[in-house]
């Protein structure tokens, strides 16, 4: 993200809670449709962007996925 001018060095992952999902206007799902671990499957107001999960991907693929997300904002 630093490559495109976004500093996320102080960001920490946050647990998605039921309360957060219930009070959200919309939930953007970026492609996690794993029925064992994706909490977004259990709420009705999900917008699915369908991106590939960047986890364990080579940096070139992560960059490609990052750039795809930018087109959807």
N, C-alpha and C. Protein backbone atom coordinates (compact mmCIF):
# COMPACT_ATOMS: atom_id res chain seq x y z
N UNK A 1 0.84 -1.19 0.00
CA UNK A 1 0.00 0.00 0.00
C UNK A 1 0.88 1.25 0.00
N UNK A 2 2.04 1.14 0.64
CA UNK A 2 2.96 2.28 0.65
C UNK A 2 3.35 2.68 -0.77
N UNK A 3 3.42 1.69 -1.67
CA UNK A 3 3.77 1.97 -3.07
C UNK A 3 2.80 2.94 -3.73
N UNK A 4 1.55 2.96 -3.26
CA UNK A 4 0.55 3.85 -3.85
C UNK A 4 0.19 5.00 -2.91
N UNK A 5 1.05 5.25 -1.91
CA UNK A 5 0.88 6.41 -1.05
C UNK A 5 -0.09 6.25 0.11
N UNK A 6 -0.37 5.00 0.50
CA UNK A 6 -1.28 4.76 1.62
C UNK A 6 -0.50 4.13 2.76
N UNK A 7 -0.45 4.82 3.89
CA UNK A 7 0.28 4.32 5.05
C UNK A 7 -0.66 3.52 5.95
N UNK A 8 -0.44 2.22 6.01
CA UNK A 8 -1.25 1.37 6.88
C UNK A 8 -0.41 0.78 8.02
N UNK A 9 0.77 1.36 8.25
CA UNK A 9 1.70 0.81 9.23
C UNK A 9 1.15 0.82 10.65
N UNK A 10 0.22 1.71 10.95
CA UNK A 10 -0.33 1.77 12.31
C UNK A 10 -1.68 1.06 12.42
N UNK A 11 -2.14 0.48 11.33
CA UNK A 11 -3.43 -0.22 11.33
C UNK A 11 -3.27 -1.62 11.94
N UNK A 12 -4.27 -2.05 12.61
CA UNK A 12 -4.30 -3.39 13.22
C UNK A 12 -5.57 -4.09 12.76
N UNK A 13 -5.50 -5.39 12.52
CA UNK A 13 -6.72 -6.12 12.16
C UNK A 13 -7.75 -6.03 13.28
N UNK A 14 -9.00 -5.98 12.91
CA UNK A 14 -10.08 -5.91 13.89
C UNK A 14 -11.02 -7.09 13.66
N UNK A 15 -11.52 -7.63 14.73
CA UNK A 15 -12.52 -8.69 14.62
C UNK A 15 -13.84 -8.09 14.17
N UNK A 16 -14.47 -8.72 13.22
CA UNK A 16 -15.79 -8.29 12.76
C UNK A 16 -16.82 -8.90 13.69
N UNK A 17 -17.54 -8.05 14.40
CA UNK A 17 -18.51 -8.54 15.38
C UNK A 17 -19.92 -8.55 14.79
N UNK A 18 -20.79 -9.30 15.42
CA UNK A 18 -22.20 -9.32 15.00
C UNK A 18 -22.81 -7.93 15.11
N UNK A 19 -22.45 -7.20 16.14
CA UNK A 19 -22.97 -5.85 16.34
C UNK A 19 -22.53 -4.93 15.20
N UNK A 20 -21.27 -5.04 14.79
CA UNK A 20 -20.79 -4.22 13.68
C UNK A 20 -21.56 -4.54 12.40
N UNK A 21 -21.79 -5.82 12.13
CA UNK A 21 -22.53 -6.21 10.93
C UNK A 21 -23.97 -5.74 10.99
N UNK A 22 -24.60 -5.87 12.15
CA UNK A 22 -25.99 -5.49 12.31
C UNK A 22 -26.18 -3.98 12.10
N UNK A 23 -25.21 -3.18 12.54
CA UNK A 23 -25.33 -1.73 12.47
C UNK A 23 -24.75 -1.11 11.20
N UNK A 24 -24.18 -1.92 10.33
CA UNK A 24 -23.57 -1.40 9.11
C UNK A 24 -24.63 -1.03 8.08
N UNK A 25 -24.36 -0.01 7.33
CA UNK A 25 -25.22 0.36 6.21
C UNK A 25 -25.07 -0.64 5.09
N UNK A 26 -23.83 -1.05 4.85
CA UNK A 26 -23.53 -2.08 3.84
C UNK A 26 -22.26 -2.79 4.26
N UNK A 27 -22.12 -4.01 3.83
CA UNK A 27 -20.91 -4.78 4.09
C UNK A 27 -20.34 -5.16 2.73
N UNK A 28 -19.10 -4.76 2.49
CA UNK A 28 -18.45 -5.07 1.23
C UNK A 28 -17.63 -6.33 1.44
N UNK A 29 -17.97 -7.36 0.72
CA UNK A 29 -17.24 -8.62 0.77
C UNK A 29 -16.32 -8.64 -0.43
N UNK A 30 -15.05 -8.85 -0.18
CA UNK A 30 -14.09 -8.81 -1.28
C UNK A 30 -13.77 -10.18 -1.82
N UNK A 31 -14.63 -11.13 -1.64
CA UNK A 31 -14.45 -12.42 -2.27
C UNK A 31 -14.41 -13.60 -1.33
N UNK A 32 -14.48 -13.39 -0.03
CA UNK A 32 -14.44 -14.54 0.88
C UNK A 32 -15.81 -15.19 0.89
N UNK A 33 -15.93 -16.25 0.20
CA UNK A 33 -17.21 -16.95 0.22
C UNK A 33 -17.01 -18.38 0.74
N UNK A 34 -16.01 -18.53 1.59
CA UNK A 34 -15.73 -19.80 2.24
C UNK A 34 -16.79 -20.02 3.31
N UNK A 35 -17.64 -21.01 3.12
CA UNK A 35 -18.77 -21.21 4.03
C UNK A 35 -18.36 -21.65 5.43
N UNK A 36 -17.08 -21.86 5.67
CA UNK A 36 -16.62 -22.24 7.01
C UNK A 36 -16.13 -21.05 7.81
N UNK A 37 -15.70 -19.98 7.13
CA UNK A 37 -15.07 -18.89 7.88
C UNK A 37 -15.52 -17.49 7.50
N UNK A 38 -16.42 -17.34 6.56
CA UNK A 38 -16.78 -16.00 6.10
C UNK A 38 -18.03 -15.50 6.82
N UNK A 39 -17.88 -14.55 7.75
CA UNK A 39 -19.05 -14.05 8.49
C UNK A 39 -20.04 -13.30 7.61
N UNK A 40 -19.60 -12.77 6.49
CA UNK A 40 -20.49 -12.00 5.62
C UNK A 40 -21.59 -12.86 5.01
N UNK A 41 -21.43 -14.16 5.02
CA UNK A 41 -22.45 -15.05 4.46
C UNK A 41 -23.75 -15.03 5.27
N UNK A 42 -23.67 -14.58 6.51
CA UNK A 42 -24.81 -14.69 7.41
C UNK A 42 -25.58 -13.40 7.59
N UNK A 43 -25.32 -12.42 6.76
CA UNK A 43 -26.06 -11.16 6.81
C UNK A 43 -26.62 -10.86 5.43
N UNK A 44 -27.69 -10.09 5.40
CA UNK A 44 -28.39 -9.89 4.14
C UNK A 44 -27.89 -8.73 3.29
N UNK A 45 -27.22 -7.77 3.86
CA UNK A 45 -26.86 -6.56 3.10
C UNK A 45 -25.41 -6.58 2.61
N UNK A 46 -24.99 -7.70 2.06
CA UNK A 46 -23.62 -7.85 1.58
C UNK A 46 -23.52 -7.53 0.09
N UNK A 47 -22.54 -6.72 -0.26
CA UNK A 47 -22.20 -6.46 -1.65
C UNK A 47 -20.91 -7.25 -1.90
N UNK A 48 -20.97 -8.22 -2.79
CA UNK A 48 -19.80 -9.07 -3.03
C UNK A 48 -19.03 -8.58 -4.24
N UNK A 49 -17.77 -8.16 -4.04
CA UNK A 49 -16.92 -7.71 -5.12
C UNK A 49 -16.21 -8.88 -5.78
N UNK A 50 -16.13 -10.03 -5.12
CA UNK A 50 -15.59 -11.24 -5.71
C UNK A 50 -14.11 -11.24 -6.04
N UNK A 51 -13.29 -10.55 -5.27
CA UNK A 51 -11.86 -10.54 -5.52
C UNK A 51 -11.19 -11.80 -4.99
N UNK A 52 -10.11 -12.17 -5.64
CA UNK A 52 -9.31 -13.29 -5.18
C UNK A 52 -8.64 -12.91 -3.85
N UNK A 53 -8.53 -13.87 -2.94
CA UNK A 53 -7.87 -13.65 -1.65
C UNK A 53 -6.37 -13.48 -1.88
N UNK A 54 -5.77 -12.37 -1.43
CA UNK A 54 -4.34 -12.16 -1.65
C UNK A 54 -3.43 -12.98 -0.71
N UNK A 55 -4.01 -13.64 0.26
CA UNK A 55 -3.21 -14.38 1.24
C UNK A 55 -2.33 -15.42 0.53
N UNK A 56 -1.06 -15.40 0.89
CA UNK A 56 -0.05 -16.34 0.39
C UNK A 56 0.22 -16.23 -1.11
N UNK A 57 -0.20 -15.13 -1.72
CA UNK A 57 0.05 -14.91 -3.15
C UNK A 57 1.38 -14.17 -3.32
N UNK A 58 2.03 -14.34 -4.47
CA UNK A 58 3.25 -13.56 -4.75
C UNK A 58 2.91 -12.06 -4.83
N UNK A 59 3.89 -11.24 -4.56
CA UNK A 59 3.66 -9.79 -4.48
C UNK A 59 3.07 -9.23 -5.78
N UNK A 60 3.43 -9.78 -6.91
CA UNK A 60 2.89 -9.30 -8.18
C UNK A 60 1.37 -9.50 -8.22
N UNK A 61 0.90 -10.65 -7.72
CA UNK A 61 -0.53 -10.94 -7.69
C UNK A 61 -1.24 -10.03 -6.68
N UNK A 62 -0.61 -9.81 -5.53
CA UNK A 62 -1.19 -8.92 -4.52
C UNK A 62 -1.36 -7.51 -5.09
N UNK A 63 -0.38 -7.05 -5.83
CA UNK A 63 -0.48 -5.73 -6.46
C UNK A 63 -1.65 -5.68 -7.45
N UNK A 64 -1.80 -6.74 -8.21
CA UNK A 64 -2.89 -6.80 -9.19
C UNK A 64 -4.25 -6.75 -8.47
N UNK A 65 -4.40 -7.50 -7.40
CA UNK A 65 -5.65 -7.50 -6.64
C UNK A 65 -5.89 -6.13 -6.02
N UNK A 66 -4.84 -5.53 -5.47
CA UNK A 66 -4.94 -4.18 -4.89
C UNK A 66 -5.44 -3.19 -5.93
N UNK A 67 -4.88 -3.25 -7.14
CA UNK A 67 -5.27 -2.32 -8.18
C UNK A 67 -6.72 -2.56 -8.64
N UNK A 68 -7.16 -3.80 -8.63
CA UNK A 68 -8.56 -4.11 -8.98
C UNK A 68 -9.51 -3.48 -7.95
N UNK A 69 -9.14 -3.52 -6.68
CA UNK A 69 -10.01 -2.93 -5.65
C UNK A 69 -10.16 -1.44 -5.83
N UNK A 70 -9.11 -0.79 -6.28
CA UNK A 70 -9.14 0.67 -6.49
C UNK A 70 -10.19 1.05 -7.55
N UNK A 71 -10.37 0.20 -8.55
CA UNK A 71 -11.34 0.46 -9.60
C UNK A 71 -12.78 0.41 -9.08
N UNK A 72 -13.01 -0.23 -7.94
CA UNK A 72 -14.36 -0.44 -7.42
C UNK A 72 -14.77 0.53 -6.31
N UNK A 73 -13.90 1.45 -5.92
CA UNK A 73 -14.28 2.31 -4.80
C UNK A 73 -15.23 3.41 -5.16
